[in-house]
Every structure is written in C-alpha cells, then in structure tokens.
C-alpha cells in the first residue's frame, strides 16, 4: 500500500512493482487535515469523497503500463 498527498494535477510514477493486479483509490481531502472524514449528520456535513479507478491495473514483469485518470 502506498499513500501520497497530491495538491494538484500531477503524474505519479511507481517503479519496481511486483507482478499483480492493483487498484487505485483517491480520497478528496476537502478540509486538508490529511485524513478521511466520515461527516457529521447533526452539522449536515457530508463525508469526503472516495473515488475508485474503474478497473484493476494488471502489472506484468518487464512491462510498462500507463494509465490516465481524470475525475
């Protein structure tokens, strides 16, 4: 598992991943506290958005994979 804080649109590069299938997830940190907040019903605050990449990314030995994700 890897966790990175991204403040704007940027490219991420992962090197030397073991061959496997991987899933990407983005958590929108609306209040910039560096953690996912569940929201508050009494204060009518929605939970922060969690986005999953729509497919698994298969990594093979000695292959390069490039994925674009625009949300």
PDB file of N, CA and C in Angstrom:
ATOM      1  N   UNK A   1       0.843  -1.175   0.000  1.00  0.00           N
ATOM      2  CA  UNK A   1       0.000   0.000   0.000  1.00  0.00           C
ATOM      3  C   UNK A   1       0.887   1.236   0.000  1.00  0.00           C
ATOM      4  N   UNK A   2       0.500   2.208  -0.821  1.00  0.00           N
ATOM      5  CA  UNK A   2       1.234   3.458  -0.896  1.00  0.00           C
ATOM      6  C   UNK A   2       0.246   4.598  -0.734  1.00  0.00           C
ATOM      7  N   UNK A   3       0.660   5.628  -0.027  1.00  0.00           N
ATOM      8  CA  UNK A   3      -0.201   6.785   0.190  1.00  0.00           C
ATOM      9  C   UNK A   3       0.582   8.042  -0.155  1.00  0.00           C
ATOM     10  N   UNK A   4      -0.008   8.887  -0.991  1.00  0.00           N
ATOM     11  CA  UNK A   4       0.634  10.143  -1.375  1.00  0.00           C
ATOM     12  C   UNK A   4      -0.372  11.276  -1.272  1.00  0.00           C
ATOM     13  N   UNK A   5       0.115  12.439  -0.891  1.00  0.00           N
ATOM     14  CA  UNK A   5      -0.726  13.627  -0.829  1.00  0.00           C
ATOM     15  C   UNK A   5      -0.445  14.451  -2.078  1.00  0.00           C
ATOM     16  N   UNK A   6      -1.499  14.701  -2.844  1.00  0.00           N
ATOM     17  CA  UNK A   6      -1.383  15.431  -4.105  1.00  0.00           C
ATOM     18  C   UNK A   6      -2.243  16.683  -3.990  1.00  0.00           C
ATOM     19  N   UNK A   7      -1.666  17.828  -4.292  1.00  0.00           N
ATOM     20  CA  UNK A   7      -2.412  19.076  -4.169  1.00  0.00           C
ATOM     21  C   UNK A   7      -2.951  19.590  -5.495  1.00  0.00           C
ATOM     22  N   UNK A   8      -2.449  19.077  -6.598  1.00  0.00           N
ATOM     23  CA  UNK A   8      -2.961  19.472  -7.913  1.00  0.00           C
ATOM     24  C   UNK A   8      -2.711  18.326  -8.890  1.00  0.00           C
ATOM     25  N   UNK A   9      -3.021  18.556 -10.137  1.00  0.00           N
ATOM     26  CA  UNK A   9      -2.845  17.520 -11.140  1.00  0.00           C
ATOM     27  C   UNK A   9      -1.356  17.244 -11.347  1.00  0.00           C
ATOM     28  N   UNK A  10      -0.968  16.015 -11.189  1.00  0.00           N
ATOM     29  CA  UNK A  10       0.430  15.650 -11.401  1.00  0.00           C
ATOM     30  C   UNK A  10       0.533  14.195 -11.797  1.00  0.00           C
ATOM     31  N   UNK A  11       1.666  13.836 -12.344  1.00  0.00           N
ATOM     32  CA  UNK A  11       1.917  12.460 -12.744  1.00  0.00           C
ATOM     33  C   UNK A  11       2.568  11.710 -11.593  1.00  0.00           C
ATOM     34  N   UNK A  12       2.137  10.486 -11.404  1.00  0.00           N
ATOM     35  CA  UNK A  12       2.736   9.620 -10.395  1.00  0.00           C
ATOM     36  C   UNK A  12       3.463   8.492 -11.104  1.00  0.00           C
ATOM     37  N   UNK A  13       4.594   8.117 -10.569  1.00  0.00           N
ATOM     38  CA  UNK A  13       5.371   7.040 -11.172  1.00  0.00           C
ATOM     39  C   UNK A  13       5.710   6.022 -10.078  1.00  0.00           C
ATOM     40  N   UNK A  14       5.381   4.788 -10.355  1.00  0.00           N
ATOM     41  CA  UNK A  14       5.710   3.684  -9.457  1.00  0.00           C
ATOM     42  C   UNK A  14       6.665   2.761 -10.196  1.00  0.00           C
ATOM     43  N   UNK A  15       7.801   2.514  -9.600  1.00  0.00           N
ATOM     44  CA  UNK A  15       8.782   1.633 -10.224  1.00  0.00           C
ATOM     45  C   UNK A  15       8.935   0.361  -9.385  1.00  0.00           C
ATOM     46  N   UNK A  16       9.280  -0.712 -10.058  1.00  0.00           N
ATOM     47  CA  UNK A  16       9.608  -1.991  -9.423  1.00  0.00           C
ATOM     48  C   UNK A  16       8.437  -2.573  -8.627  1.00  0.00           C
ATOM     49  N   UNK A  17       7.254  -2.496  -9.204  1.00  0.00           N
ATOM     50  CA  UNK A  17       6.107  -3.155  -8.588  1.00  0.00           C
ATOM     51  C   UNK A  17       6.157  -4.642  -8.913  1.00  0.00           C
ATOM     52  N   UNK A  18       5.744  -5.442  -7.981  1.00  0.00           N
ATOM     53  CA  UNK A  18       5.659  -6.882  -8.215  1.00  0.00           C
ATOM     54  C   UNK A  18       4.508  -7.162  -9.170  1.00  0.00           C
ATOM     55  N   UNK A  19       4.670  -8.156 -10.048  1.00  0.00           N
ATOM     56  CA  UNK A  19       3.566  -8.504 -10.947  1.00  0.00           C
ATOM     57  C   UNK A  19       2.329  -8.883 -10.136  1.00  0.00           C
ATOM     58  N   UNK A  20       1.228  -8.200 -10.410  1.00  0.00           N
ATOM     59  CA  UNK A  20      -0.030  -8.419  -9.695  1.00  0.00           C
ATOM     60  C   UNK A  20      -1.083  -7.507 -10.305  1.00  0.00           C
ATOM     61  N   UNK A  21      -2.283  -7.568  -9.754  1.00  0.00           N
ATOM     62  CA  UNK A  21      -3.346  -6.640 -10.138  1.00  0.00           C
ATOM     63  C   UNK A  21      -3.493  -5.623  -9.013  1.00  0.00           C
ATOM     64  N   UNK A  22      -3.563  -4.354  -9.400  1.00  0.00           N
ATOM     65  CA  UNK A  22      -3.607  -3.269  -8.429  1.00  0.00           C
ATOM     66  C   UNK A  22      -4.869  -2.438  -8.621  1.00  0.00           C
ATOM     67  N   UNK A  23      -5.322  -1.813  -7.531  1.00  0.00           N
ATOM     68  CA  UNK A  23      -6.477  -0.935  -7.577  1.00  0.00           C
ATOM     69  C   UNK A  23      -6.052   0.441  -7.071  1.00  0.00           C
ATOM     70  N   UNK A  24      -6.548   1.496  -7.718  1.00  0.00           N
ATOM     71  CA  UNK A  24      -6.245   2.864  -7.315  1.00  0.00           C
ATOM     72  C   UNK A  24      -7.451   3.478  -6.628  1.00  0.00           C
ATOM     73  N   UNK A  25      -7.178   4.260  -5.579  1.00  0.00           N
ATOM     74  CA  UNK A  25      -8.234   4.934  -4.847  1.00  0.00           C
ATOM     75  C   UNK A  25      -7.771   6.354  -4.537  1.00  0.00           C
ATOM     76  N   UNK A  26      -8.672   7.319  -4.704  1.00  0.00           N
ATOM     77  CA  UNK A  26      -8.390   8.715  -4.370  1.00  0.00           C
ATOM     78  C   UNK A  26      -9.378   9.140  -3.292  1.00  0.00           C
ATOM     79  N   UNK A  27      -8.863   9.807  -2.273  1.00  0.00           N
ATOM     80  CA  UNK A  27      -9.705  10.385  -1.234  1.00  0.00           C
ATOM     81  C   UNK A  27      -9.561  11.901  -1.331  1.00  0.00           C
ATOM     82  N   UNK A  28     -10.669  12.581  -1.557  1.00  0.00           N
ATOM     83  CA  UNK A  28     -10.654  14.034  -1.656  1.00  0.00           C
ATOM     84  C   UNK A  28     -10.669  14.620  -0.248  1.00  0.00           C
ATOM     85  N   UNK A  29      -9.574  15.233   0.143  1.00  0.00           N
ATOM     86  CA  UNK A  29      -9.437  15.804   1.489  1.00  0.00           C
ATOM     87  C   UNK A  29      -9.921  17.250   1.470  1.00  0.00           C
ATOM     88  N   UNK A  30     -11.231  17.434   1.611  1.00  0.00           N
ATOM     89  CA  UNK A  30     -11.847  18.753   1.472  1.00  0.00           C
ATOM     90  C   UNK A  30     -11.380  19.748   2.528  1.00  0.00           C
ATOM     91  N   UNK A  31     -11.059  19.281   3.732  1.00  0.00           N
ATOM     92  CA  UNK A  31     -10.643  20.198   4.790  1.00  0.00           C
ATOM     93  C   UNK A  31      -9.132  20.175   5.052  1.00  0.00           C
ATOM     94  N   UNK A  32      -8.386  19.487   4.235  1.00  0.00           N
ATOM     95  CA  UNK A  32      -6.906  19.451   4.285  1.00  0.00           C
ATOM     96  C   UNK A  32      -6.335  19.008   5.636  1.00  0.00           C
ATOM     97  N   UNK A  33      -6.994  18.061   6.286  1.00  0.00           N
ATOM     98  CA  UNK A  33      -6.455  17.553   7.550  1.00  0.00           C
ATOM     99  C   UNK A  33      -5.691  16.248   7.379  1.00  0.00           C
ATOM    100  N   UNK A  34      -5.475  15.833   6.140  1.00  0.00           N
ATOM    101  CA  UNK A  34      -4.685  14.655   5.782  1.00  0.00           C
ATOM    102  C   UNK A  34      -5.269  13.339   6.285  1.00  0.00           C
ATOM    103  N   UNK A  35      -6.600  13.285   6.419  1.00  0.00           N
ATOM    104  CA  UNK A  35      -7.269  12.027   6.753  1.00  0.00           C
ATOM    105  C   UNK A  35      -8.691  12.084   6.217  1.00  0.00           C
ATOM    106  N   UNK A  36      -9.310  10.915   6.037  1.00  0.00           N
ATOM    107  CA  UNK A  36     -10.664  10.833   5.547  1.00  0.00           C
ATOM    108  C   UNK A  36     -11.622  11.107   6.691  1.00  0.00           C
ATOM    109  N   UNK A  37     -12.578  12.006   6.470  1.00  0.00           N
ATOM    110  CA  UNK A  37     -13.576  12.343   7.480  1.00  0.00           C
ATOM    111  C   UNK A  37     -14.919  11.753   7.084  1.00  0.00           C
ATOM    112  N   UNK A  38     -15.598  11.174   8.056  1.00  0.00           N
ATOM    113  CA  UNK A  38     -16.862  10.488   7.807  1.00  0.00           C
ATOM    114  C   UNK A  38     -18.044  11.423   7.675  1.00  0.00           C
ATOM    115  N   UNK A  39     -17.899  12.678   8.050  1.00  0.00           N
ATOM    116  CA  UNK A  39     -19.009  13.623   8.006  1.00  0.00           C
ATOM    117  C   UNK A  39     -19.688  13.706   9.361  1.00  0.00           C
ATOM    118  N   UNK A  40     -20.735  14.529   9.420  1.00  0.00           N
ATOM    119  CA  UNK A  40     -21.455  14.729  10.673  1.00  0.00           C
ATOM    120  C   UNK A  40     -22.919  15.004  10.334  1.00  0.00           C
ATOM    121  N   UNK A  41     -23.798  14.118  10.747  1.00  0.00           N
ATOM    122  CA  UNK A  41     -25.223  14.264  10.428  1.00  0.00           C
ATOM    123  C   UNK A  41     -25.812  15.498  11.094  1.00  0.00           C
ATOM    124  N   UNK A  42     -25.475  15.726  12.352  1.00  0.00           N
ATOM    125  CA  UNK A  42     -26.052  16.861  13.081  1.00  0.00           C
ATOM    126  C   UNK A  42     -25.646  18.205  12.479  1.00  0.00           C
ATOM    127  N   UNK A  43     -24.408  18.297  11.974  1.00  0.00           N
ATOM    128  CA  UNK A  43     -23.933  19.540  11.370  1.00  0.00           C
ATOM    129  C   UNK A  43     -24.164  19.573   9.862  1.00  0.00           C
ATOM    130  N   UNK A  44     -24.796  18.527   9.334  1.00  0.00           N
ATOM    131  CA  UNK A  44     -25.094  18.400   7.904  1.00  0.00           C
ATOM    132  C   UNK A  44     -23.829  18.499   7.041  1.00  0.00           C
ATOM    133  N   UNK A  45     -22.773  17.822   7.495  1.00  0.00           N
ATOM    134  CA  UNK A  45     -21.511  17.770   6.753  1.00  0.00           C
ATOM    135  C   UNK A  45     -21.410  16.402   6.082  1.00  0.00           C
ATOM    136  N   UNK A  46     -21.231  16.391   4.765  1.00  0.00           N
ATOM    137  CA  UNK A  46     -21.112  15.149   4.008  1.00  0.00           C
ATOM    138  C   UNK A  46     -19.733  14.525   4.220  1.00  0.00           C
ATOM    139  N   UNK A  47     -19.626  13.197   4.118  1.00  0.00           N
ATOM    140  CA  UNK A  47     -18.302  12.566   4.162  1.00  0.00           C
ATOM    141  C   UNK A  47     -17.469  12.990   2.953  1.00  0.00           C
ATOM    142  N   UNK A  48     -16.165  12.937   3.100  1.00  0.00           N
ATOM    143  CA  UNK A  48     -15.286  13.292   1.992  1.00  0.00           C
ATOM    144  C   UNK A  48     -15.375  12.213   0.913  1.00  0.00           C
ATOM    145  N   UNK A  49     -15.264  12.628  -0.350  1.00  0.00           N
ATOM    146  CA  UNK A  49     -15.434  11.716  -1.481  1.00  0.00           C
ATOM    147  C   UNK A  49     -14.287  10.714  -1.574  1.00  0.00           C
ATOM    148  N   UNK A  50     -14.646   9.484  -1.897  1.00  0.00           N
ATOM    149  CA  UNK A  50     -13.688   8.421  -2.163  1.00  0.00           C
ATOM    150  C   UNK A  50     -13.965   7.920  -3.576  1.00  0.00           C
ATOM    151  N   UNK A  51     -12.947   7.958  -4.432  1.00  0.00           N
ATOM    152  CA  UNK A  51     -13.093   7.553  -5.823  1.00  0.00           C
ATOM    153  C   UNK A  51     -12.203   6.350  -6.099  1.00  0.00           C
ATOM    154  N   UNK A  52     -12.764   5.339  -6.743  1.00  0.00           N
ATOM    155  CA  UNK A  52     -12.011   4.157  -7.134  1.00  0.00           C
ATOM    156  C   UNK A  52     -11.815   4.170  -8.638  1.00  0.00           C
ATOM    157  N   UNK A  53     -10.603   3.836  -9.086  1.00  0.00           N
ATOM    158  CA  UNK A  53     -10.354   3.715 -10.517  1.00  0.00           C
ATOM    159  C   UNK A  53     -11.243   2.587 -11.035  1.00  0.00           C
ATOM    160  N   UNK A  54     -11.901   2.771 -12.185  1.00  0.00           N
ATOM    161  CA  UNK A  54     -12.942   1.822 -12.616  1.00  0.00           C
ATOM    162  C   UNK A  54     -12.479   0.422 -13.004  1.00  0.00           C
ATOM    163  N   UNK A  55     -11.176   0.172 -13.048  1.00  0.00           N
ATOM    164  CA  UNK A  55     -10.729  -1.181 -13.394  1.00  0.00           C
ATOM    165  C   UNK A  55      -9.460  -1.518 -12.617  1.00  0.00           C
ATOM    166  N   UNK A  56      -9.177  -2.809 -12.530  1.00  0.00           N
ATOM    167  CA  UNK A  56      -7.926  -3.247 -11.936  1.00  0.00           C
ATOM    168  C   UNK A  56      -6.802  -3.027 -12.940  1.00  0.00           C
ATOM    169  N   UNK A  57      -5.639  -2.667 -12.441  1.00  0.00           N
ATOM    170  CA  UNK A  57      -4.479  -2.460 -13.304  1.00  0.00           C
ATOM    171  C   UNK A  57      -3.563  -3.662 -13.140  1.00  0.00           C
ATOM    172  N   UNK A  58      -3.356  -4.371 -14.246  1.00  0.00           N
ATOM    173  CA  UNK A  58      -2.512  -5.568 -14.201  1.00  0.00           C
ATOM    174  C   UNK A  58      -1.074  -5.195 -14.547  1.00  0.00           C
ATOM    175  N   UNK A  59      -0.175  -5.501 -13.629  1.00  0.00           N
ATOM    176  CA  UNK A  59       1.256  -5.260 -13.821  1.00  0.00           C
ATOM    177  C   UNK A  59       1.915  -6.588 -14.154  1.00  0.00           C
ATOM    178  N   UNK A  60       2.648  -6.611 -15.262  1.00  0.00           N
ATOM    179  CA  UNK A  60       3.378  -7.812 -15.676  1.00  0.00           C
ATOM    180  C   UNK A  60       4.872  -7.547 -15.589  1.00  0.00           C
ATOM    181  N   UNK A  61       5.637  -8.594 -15.423  1.00  0.00           N
ATOM    182  CA  UNK A  61       7.094  -8.466 -15.343  1.00  0.00           C
ATOM    183  C   UNK A  61       7.645  -7.875 -16.642  1.00  0.00           C
ATOM    184  N   UNK A  62       8.527  -6.905 -16.528  1.00  0.00           N
ATOM    185  CA  UNK A  62       9.212  -6.260 -17.650  1.00  0.00           C
ATOM    186  C   UNK A  62       8.275  -5.554 -18.625  1.00  0.00           C
ATOM    187  N   UNK A  63       7.133  -5.080 -18.154  1.00  0.00           N
ATOM    188  CA  UNK A  63       6.196  -4.319 -18.975  1.00  0.00           C
ATOM    189  C   UNK A  63       6.021  -2.941 -18.347  1.00  0.00           C
ATOM    190  N   UNK A  64       5.765  -1.945 -19.193  1.00  0.00           N
ATOM    191  CA  UNK A  64       5.385  -0.616 -18.718  1.00  0.00           C
ATOM    192  C   UNK A  64       3.881  -0.463 -18.908  1.00  0.00           C
ATOM    193  N   UNK A  65       3.235   0.156 -17.943  1.00  0.00           N
ATOM    194  CA  UNK A  65       1.802   0.414 -18.014  1.00  0.00           C
ATOM    195  C   UNK A  65       1.590   1.900 -17.770  1.00  0.00           C
ATOM    196  N   UNK A  66       0.824   2.531 -18.637  1.00  0.00           N
ATOM    197  CA  UNK A  66       0.486   3.941 -18.470  1.00  0.00           C
ATOM    198  C   UNK A  66      -1.028   4.040 -18.399  1.00  0.00           C
ATOM    199  N   UNK A  67      -1.535   4.663 -17.348  1.00  0.00           N
ATOM    200  CA  UNK A  67      -2.973   4.851 -17.157  1.00  0.00           C
ATOM    201  C   UNK A  67      -3.255   6.322 -16.949  1.00  0.00           C
ATOM    202  N   UNK A  68      -4.285   6.823 -17.582  1.00  0.00           N
ATOM    203  CA  UNK A  68      -4.761   8.196 -17.355  1.00  0.00           C
ATOM    204  C   UNK A  68      -6.048   8.123 -16.552  1.00  0.00           C
ATOM    205  N   UNK A  69      -6.126   9.000 -15.559  1.00  0.00           N
ATOM    206  CA  UNK A  69      -7.328   9.045 -14.734  1.00  0.00           C
ATOM    207  C   UNK A  69      -7.733  10.503 -14.550  1.00  0.00           C
ATOM    208  N   UNK A  70      -8.856  10.849 -15.113  1.00  0.00           N
ATOM    209  CA  UNK A  70      -9.380  12.209 -14.982  1.00  0.00           C
ATOM    210  C   UNK A  70     -10.709  12.107 -14.251  1.00  0.00           C
ATOM    211  N   UNK A  71     -10.832  12.779 -13.121  1.00  0.00           N
ATOM    212  CA  UNK A  71     -12.100  12.752 -12.402  1.00  0.00           C
ATOM    213  C   UNK A  71     -12.648  14.125 -12.232  1.00  0.00           C
TER     214      UNK A  71
END
